[in-house]
Amino acid sequence: MPAVVDSSGWIEFLTGGPNAGRFSDALQDTDELIVPAISITEVYRWVLREASEADALAVAASMKQGKVMPLDGRLAVIAADVSHRHRLPLADGIIYATAREFSAELLTQDADLEGLPGVTYIPHPLRGK
């Protein structure tokens, strides 16, 4: 089954956080990994802030091993609708809409997405719910 790992999952994996193992199988199965382009933006920005441009470029290259899905006009409208309907921040709506569009499981630590169809919510033990 295809999988989308949201930005929080990528960062958890990259930092070796307590839930890193919960994301590793999906991230390593690049044939089934769907990567919303906005996830690259979010993770690249985070790595750039926390580390260096060289590290950010290396992470972006790693993310591009999956199937990168751009935000086109059709998906943009779907994402806006999903964001509005479920009261999600815009980036979460784009990531969720991308997962639904490709019938992929969405793995996340983001409580905003908890309980939505097709979402596997993995609470972060250090942040609570």
N, C-alpha and C. Protein backbone atom coordinates (compact mmCIF):
# COMPACT_ATOMS: atom_id res chain seq x y z
N MET A 1 0.85 -1.18 0.00
CA MET A 1 0.00 0.00 0.00
C MET A 1 0.89 1.24 0.00
N PRO A 2 0.56 2.21 -0.82
CA PRO A 2 1.34 3.47 -0.81
C PRO A 2 1.23 4.17 0.54
N ALA A 3 2.26 4.91 0.87
CA ALA A 3 2.27 5.65 2.13
C ALA A 3 2.78 7.07 1.90
N VAL A 4 2.23 7.98 2.69
CA VAL A 4 2.71 9.35 2.79
C VAL A 4 3.14 9.54 4.24
N VAL A 5 4.35 10.02 4.43
CA VAL A 5 4.83 10.37 5.77
C VAL A 5 4.86 11.89 5.81
N ASP A 6 4.13 12.46 6.77
CA ASP A 6 4.10 13.92 6.80
C ASP A 6 5.42 14.46 7.36
N SER A 7 5.55 15.75 7.35
CA SER A 7 6.81 16.39 7.73
C SER A 7 7.25 16.03 9.14
N SER A 8 6.31 15.91 10.05
CA SER A 8 6.68 15.55 11.42
C SER A 8 7.32 14.17 11.48
N GLY A 9 6.86 13.27 10.65
CA GLY A 9 7.43 11.92 10.59
C GLY A 9 8.83 11.91 10.01
N TRP A 10 9.02 12.69 8.95
CA TRP A 10 10.36 12.82 8.36
C TRP A 10 11.34 13.36 9.39
N ILE A 11 10.94 14.42 10.09
CA ILE A 11 11.82 15.04 11.07
C ILE A 11 12.10 14.08 12.23
N GLU A 12 11.09 13.37 12.66
CA GLU A 12 11.27 12.38 13.73
C GLU A 12 12.29 11.32 13.31
N PHE A 13 12.17 10.86 12.07
CA PHE A 13 13.10 9.86 11.54
C PHE A 13 14.51 10.43 11.43
N LEU A 14 14.62 11.63 10.90
CA LEU A 14 15.94 12.24 10.70
C LEU A 14 16.67 12.52 12.02
N THR A 15 15.91 12.84 13.06
CA THR A 15 16.53 13.16 14.34
C THR A 15 16.68 11.94 15.24
N GLY A 16 16.19 10.80 14.80
CA GLY A 16 16.26 9.60 15.63
C GLY A 16 15.41 9.70 16.87
N GLY A 17 14.28 10.40 16.74
CA GLY A 17 13.37 10.57 17.87
C GLY A 17 12.74 9.26 18.30
N PRO A 18 11.99 9.29 19.41
CA PRO A 18 11.41 8.07 19.97
C PRO A 18 10.48 7.32 19.01
N ASN A 19 9.86 8.01 18.07
CA ASN A 19 8.97 7.35 17.10
C ASN A 19 9.64 7.08 15.75
N ALA A 20 10.93 7.28 15.65
CA ALA A 20 11.62 7.13 14.36
C ALA A 20 11.33 5.77 13.72
N GLY A 21 11.34 4.73 14.52
CA GLY A 21 11.09 3.39 13.99
C GLY A 21 9.70 3.20 13.41
N ARG A 22 8.76 3.98 13.87
CA ARG A 22 7.38 3.87 13.37
C ARG A 22 7.26 4.39 11.94
N PHE A 23 8.24 5.19 11.51
CA PHE A 23 8.22 5.77 10.16
C PHE A 23 9.21 5.10 9.22
N SER A 24 10.16 4.36 9.76
CA SER A 24 11.28 3.86 8.95
C SER A 24 10.85 2.94 7.82
N ASP A 25 9.94 2.02 8.05
CA ASP A 25 9.53 1.10 6.97
C ASP A 25 8.95 1.87 5.78
N ALA A 26 8.06 2.80 6.07
CA ALA A 26 7.43 3.57 5.00
C ALA A 26 8.46 4.42 4.26
N LEU A 27 9.39 5.02 4.99
CA LEU A 27 10.38 5.89 4.35
C LEU A 27 11.40 5.11 3.53
N GLN A 28 11.65 3.89 3.92
CA GLN A 28 12.63 3.09 3.20
C GLN A 28 12.03 2.35 2.01
N ASP A 29 10.73 2.21 1.96
CA ASP A 29 10.07 1.56 0.82
C ASP A 29 9.76 2.63 -0.23
N THR A 30 10.79 3.08 -0.92
CA THR A 30 10.65 4.22 -1.83
C THR A 30 9.74 3.92 -3.02
N ASP A 31 9.54 2.65 -3.35
CA ASP A 31 8.63 2.30 -4.45
C ASP A 31 7.18 2.64 -4.10
N GLU A 32 6.86 2.62 -2.82
CA GLU A 32 5.49 2.89 -2.36
C GLU A 32 5.35 4.24 -1.66
N LEU A 33 6.44 4.99 -1.57
CA LEU A 33 6.44 6.25 -0.84
C LEU A 33 6.00 7.41 -1.74
N ILE A 34 4.93 8.08 -1.32
CA ILE A 34 4.43 9.28 -1.99
C ILE A 34 4.92 10.48 -1.17
N VAL A 35 5.54 11.44 -1.83
CA VAL A 35 6.09 12.61 -1.14
C VAL A 35 5.42 13.87 -1.70
N PRO A 36 4.48 14.46 -0.94
CA PRO A 36 3.93 15.73 -1.39
C PRO A 36 5.05 16.78 -1.47
N ALA A 37 5.08 17.54 -2.53
CA ALA A 37 6.14 18.53 -2.70
C ALA A 37 6.23 19.48 -1.52
N ILE A 38 5.10 19.80 -0.90
CA ILE A 38 5.13 20.71 0.24
C ILE A 38 5.88 20.11 1.42
N SER A 39 5.93 18.79 1.51
CA SER A 39 6.70 18.14 2.58
C SER A 39 8.18 18.42 2.40
N ILE A 40 8.64 18.43 1.15
CA ILE A 40 10.04 18.75 0.89
C ILE A 40 10.32 20.18 1.35
N THR A 41 9.40 21.08 1.05
CA THR A 41 9.55 22.48 1.47
C THR A 41 9.66 22.59 2.99
N GLU A 42 8.74 21.94 3.70
CA GLU A 42 8.72 22.05 5.16
C GLU A 42 9.97 21.43 5.79
N VAL A 43 10.35 20.24 5.33
CA VAL A 43 11.49 19.55 5.92
C VAL A 43 12.79 20.26 5.56
N TYR A 44 12.91 20.68 4.30
CA TYR A 44 14.11 21.42 3.87
C TYR A 44 14.29 22.67 4.74
N ARG A 45 13.22 23.40 4.94
CA ARG A 45 13.27 24.62 5.74
C ARG A 45 13.70 24.32 7.17
N TRP A 46 13.15 23.24 7.74
CA TRP A 46 13.49 22.86 9.10
C TRP A 46 14.98 22.49 9.20
N VAL A 47 15.48 21.66 8.27
CA VAL A 47 16.89 21.25 8.30
C VAL A 47 17.79 22.45 8.07
N LEU A 48 17.41 23.34 7.18
CA LEU A 48 18.19 24.55 6.94
C LEU A 48 18.33 25.38 8.22
N ARG A 49 17.24 25.47 8.97
CA ARG A 49 17.25 26.23 10.23
C ARG A 49 18.07 25.52 11.31
N GLU A 50 17.94 24.19 11.38
CA GLU A 50 18.56 23.43 12.47
C GLU A 50 19.98 22.97 12.17
N ALA A 51 20.36 22.88 10.88
CA ALA A 51 21.67 22.33 10.52
C ALA A 51 22.34 23.24 9.50
N SER A 52 22.36 22.82 8.24
CA SER A 52 23.06 23.60 7.21
C SER A 52 22.40 23.40 5.86
N GLU A 53 22.79 24.24 4.92
CA GLU A 53 22.27 24.09 3.57
C GLU A 53 22.68 22.75 2.97
N ALA A 54 23.90 22.34 3.22
CA ALA A 54 24.37 21.04 2.69
C ALA A 54 23.51 19.90 3.24
N ASP A 55 23.21 19.94 4.53
CA ASP A 55 22.35 18.91 5.11
C ASP A 55 20.95 18.97 4.53
N ALA A 56 20.43 20.18 4.36
CA ALA A 56 19.08 20.34 3.79
C ALA A 56 19.02 19.79 2.38
N LEU A 57 20.05 20.05 1.59
CA LEU A 57 20.10 19.52 0.22
C LEU A 57 20.16 18.00 0.23
N ALA A 58 20.92 17.43 1.15
CA ALA A 58 21.03 15.96 1.24
C ALA A 58 19.69 15.35 1.63
N VAL A 59 18.99 15.98 2.56
CA VAL A 59 17.68 15.48 2.98
C VAL A 59 16.68 15.58 1.82
N ALA A 60 16.68 16.70 1.13
CA ALA A 60 15.78 16.87 -0.02
C ALA A 60 16.05 15.79 -1.07
N ALA A 61 17.30 15.49 -1.32
CA ALA A 61 17.65 14.44 -2.29
C ALA A 61 17.12 13.09 -1.82
N SER A 62 17.21 12.84 -0.53
CA SER A 62 16.68 11.60 0.03
C SER A 62 15.16 11.52 -0.13
N MET A 63 14.49 12.62 0.13
CA MET A 63 13.03 12.66 -0.01
C MET A 63 12.60 12.42 -1.45
N LYS A 64 13.42 12.88 -2.39
CA LYS A 64 13.09 12.73 -3.81
C LYS A 64 13.24 11.29 -4.30
N GLN A 65 13.69 10.39 -3.43
CA GLN A 65 13.75 8.97 -3.80
C GLN A 65 12.34 8.38 -3.90
N GLY A 66 11.39 8.98 -3.21
CA GLY A 66 10.00 8.57 -3.33
C GLY A 66 9.39 9.22 -4.56
N LYS A 67 8.09 9.03 -4.73
CA LYS A 67 7.37 9.64 -5.86
C LYS A 67 6.90 11.03 -5.41
N VAL A 68 7.57 12.06 -5.89
CA VAL A 68 7.22 13.43 -5.51
C VAL A 68 5.97 13.85 -6.29
N MET A 69 4.99 14.32 -5.54
CA MET A 69 3.72 14.75 -6.13
C MET A 69 3.59 16.27 -6.04
N PRO A 70 3.62 16.93 -7.19
CA PRO A 70 3.48 18.39 -7.18
C PRO A 70 2.05 18.80 -6.85
N LEU A 71 1.91 20.03 -6.43
CA LEU A 71 0.59 20.59 -6.18
C LEU A 71 0.14 21.27 -7.47
N ASP A 72 -0.72 20.58 -8.20
CA ASP A 72 -1.25 21.17 -9.43
C ASP A 72 -2.59 21.85 -9.12
N GLY A 73 -3.19 22.44 -10.12
CA GLY A 73 -4.43 23.19 -9.92
C GLY A 73 -5.56 22.35 -9.36
N ARG A 74 -5.71 21.13 -9.86
CA ARG A 74 -6.78 20.25 -9.40
C ARG A 74 -6.60 19.86 -7.94
N LEU A 75 -5.37 19.43 -7.59
CA LEU A 75 -5.09 19.02 -6.22
C LEU A 75 -5.18 20.22 -5.28
N ALA A 76 -4.83 21.39 -5.75
CA ALA A 76 -4.92 22.61 -4.93
C ALA A 76 -6.36 22.87 -4.48
N VAL A 77 -7.30 22.69 -5.39
CA VAL A 77 -8.72 22.90 -5.05
C VAL A 77 -9.19 21.83 -4.07
N ILE A 78 -8.80 20.58 -4.31
CA ILE A 78 -9.16 19.50 -3.40
C ILE A 78 -8.59 19.78 -2.01
N ALA A 79 -7.33 20.20 -1.96
CA ALA A 79 -6.68 20.48 -0.67
C ALA A 79 -7.36 21.63 0.06
N ALA A 80 -7.76 22.65 -0.66
CA ALA A 80 -8.46 23.77 -0.03
C ALA A 80 -9.78 23.31 0.55
N ASP A 81 -10.49 22.46 -0.18
CA ASP A 81 -11.76 21.93 0.30
C ASP A 81 -11.55 21.07 1.56
N VAL A 82 -10.57 20.20 1.50
CA VAL A 82 -10.26 19.32 2.64
C VAL A 82 -9.84 20.16 3.85
N SER A 83 -8.99 21.16 3.63
CA SER A 83 -8.55 22.03 4.72
C SER A 83 -9.73 22.74 5.37
N HIS A 84 -10.63 23.24 4.54
CA HIS A 84 -11.81 23.94 5.05
C HIS A 84 -12.72 22.97 5.82
N ARG A 85 -13.01 21.84 5.21
CA ARG A 85 -13.96 20.88 5.79
C ARG A 85 -13.47 20.34 7.13
N HIS A 86 -12.17 20.06 7.23
CA HIS A 86 -11.63 19.45 8.45
C HIS A 86 -10.89 20.44 9.35
N ARG A 87 -10.95 21.74 8.97
CA ARG A 87 -10.31 22.80 9.75
C ARG A 87 -8.82 22.51 9.97
N LEU A 88 -8.16 22.19 8.87
CA LEU A 88 -6.74 21.89 8.91
C LEU A 88 -5.91 23.08 8.45
N PRO A 89 -4.72 23.23 8.99
CA PRO A 89 -3.80 24.20 8.41
C PRO A 89 -3.55 23.83 6.95
N LEU A 90 -3.22 24.82 6.15
CA LEU A 90 -3.10 24.61 4.70
C LEU A 90 -2.14 23.48 4.33
N ALA A 91 -0.93 23.46 4.90
CA ALA A 91 0.03 22.42 4.54
C ALA A 91 -0.51 21.03 4.90
N ASP A 92 -1.16 20.90 6.06
CA ASP A 92 -1.74 19.61 6.44
C ASP A 92 -2.83 19.20 5.45
N GLY A 93 -3.61 20.16 5.00
CA GLY A 93 -4.65 19.86 4.02
C GLY A 93 -4.07 19.37 2.70
N ILE A 94 -2.97 19.97 2.28
CA ILE A 94 -2.31 19.54 1.04
C ILE A 94 -1.76 18.13 1.19
N ILE A 95 -1.12 17.87 2.31
CA ILE A 95 -0.55 16.54 2.56
C ILE A 95 -1.66 15.49 2.64
N TYR A 96 -2.72 15.80 3.38
CA TYR A 96 -3.83 14.86 3.50
C TYR A 96 -4.52 14.62 2.16
N ALA A 97 -4.77 15.68 1.41
CA ALA A 97 -5.42 15.53 0.10
C ALA A 97 -4.55 14.71 -0.85
N THR A 98 -3.24 14.90 -0.78
CA THR A 98 -2.34 14.11 -1.62
C THR A 98 -2.42 12.64 -1.25
N ALA A 99 -2.42 12.34 0.03
CA ALA A 99 -2.54 10.95 0.46
C ALA A 99 -3.85 10.34 -0.03
N ARG A 100 -4.94 11.06 0.12
CA ARG A 100 -6.25 10.53 -0.31
C ARG A 100 -6.28 10.35 -1.83
N GLU A 101 -5.72 11.30 -2.55
CA GLU A 101 -5.73 11.25 -4.02
C GLU A 101 -5.02 10.00 -4.55
N PHE A 102 -4.02 9.52 -3.82
CA PHE A 102 -3.25 8.36 -4.26
C PHE A 102 -3.55 7.12 -3.43
N SER A 103 -4.67 7.15 -2.69
CA SER A 103 -5.09 6.02 -1.85
C SER A 103 -3.95 5.52 -0.97
N ALA A 104 -3.25 6.47 -0.39
CA ALA A 104 -2.11 6.15 0.46
C ALA A 104 -2.45 6.34 1.93
N GLU A 105 -1.82 5.54 2.76
CA GLU A 105 -1.92 5.72 4.20
C GLU A 105 -1.06 6.92 4.58
N LEU A 106 -1.59 7.80 5.42
CA LEU A 106 -0.84 8.96 5.90
C LEU A 106 -0.38 8.67 7.32
N LEU A 107 0.94 8.67 7.51
CA LEU A 107 1.54 8.47 8.83
C LEU A 107 1.94 9.83 9.38
N THR A 108 1.49 10.13 10.60
CA THR A 108 1.72 11.47 11.14
C THR A 108 1.78 11.47 12.66
N GLN A 109 2.45 12.47 13.19
CA GLN A 109 2.42 12.78 14.63
C GLN A 109 1.58 14.02 14.88
N ASP A 110 0.94 14.53 13.86
CA ASP A 110 0.18 15.77 13.93
C ASP A 110 -1.24 15.50 14.40
N ALA A 111 -1.57 15.96 15.60
CA ALA A 111 -2.88 15.71 16.19
C ALA A 111 -4.02 16.31 15.37
N ASP A 112 -3.75 17.31 14.53
CA ASP A 112 -4.80 17.89 13.68
C ASP A 112 -5.40 16.85 12.74
N LEU A 113 -4.62 15.82 12.41
CA LEU A 113 -5.06 14.81 11.45
C LEU A 113 -5.62 13.56 12.10
N GLU A 114 -5.52 13.48 13.41
CA GLU A 114 -5.98 12.30 14.13
C GLU A 114 -7.46 12.03 13.85
N GLY A 115 -7.77 10.78 13.57
CA GLY A 115 -9.15 10.36 13.38
C GLY A 115 -9.68 10.48 11.97
N LEU A 116 -8.93 11.09 11.07
CA LEU A 116 -9.38 11.20 9.68
C LEU A 116 -9.17 9.86 8.97
N PRO A 117 -10.05 9.54 8.02
CA PRO A 117 -9.89 8.28 7.29
C PRO A 117 -8.53 8.22 6.58
N GLY A 118 -7.90 7.04 6.67
CA GLY A 118 -6.63 6.83 5.99
C GLY A 118 -5.43 7.37 6.73
N VAL A 119 -5.65 7.85 7.96
CA VAL A 119 -4.56 8.43 8.75
C VAL A 119 -4.17 7.49 9.88
N THR A 120 -2.88 7.24 10.00
CA THR A 120 -2.34 6.55 11.17
C THR A 120 -1.66 7.62 12.01
N TYR A 121 -2.29 7.93 13.13
CA TYR A 121 -1.76 8.95 14.04
C TYR A 121 -0.86 8.26 15.05
N ILE A 122 0.35 8.78 15.19
CA ILE A 122 1.35 8.23 16.10
C ILE A 122 1.69 9.33 17.10
N PRO A 123 1.09 9.31 18.29
CA PRO A 123 1.36 10.37 19.24
C PRO A 123 2.84 10.38 19.65
N HIS A 124 3.37 11.56 19.79
CA HIS A 124 4.78 11.69 20.20
C HIS A 124 4.82 11.58 21.73
N PRO A 125 5.61 10.64 22.25
CA PRO A 125 5.61 10.43 23.69
C PRO A 125 6.10 11.60 24.52
N LEU A 126 6.89 12.48 23.93
CA LEU A 126 7.41 13.62 24.68
C LEU A 126 6.51 14.83 24.61
N ARG A 127 5.57 14.83 23.69
CA ARG A 127 4.68 15.99 23.53
C ARG A 127 3.28 15.71 24.01
N GLY A 128 2.96 14.45 24.27
CA GLY A 128 1.59 14.12 24.61
C GLY A 128 0.72 14.22 23.38
N LYS A 129 -0.54 14.33 23.57
CA LYS A 129 -1.48 14.37 22.46
C LYS A 129 -1.70 15.73 21.93
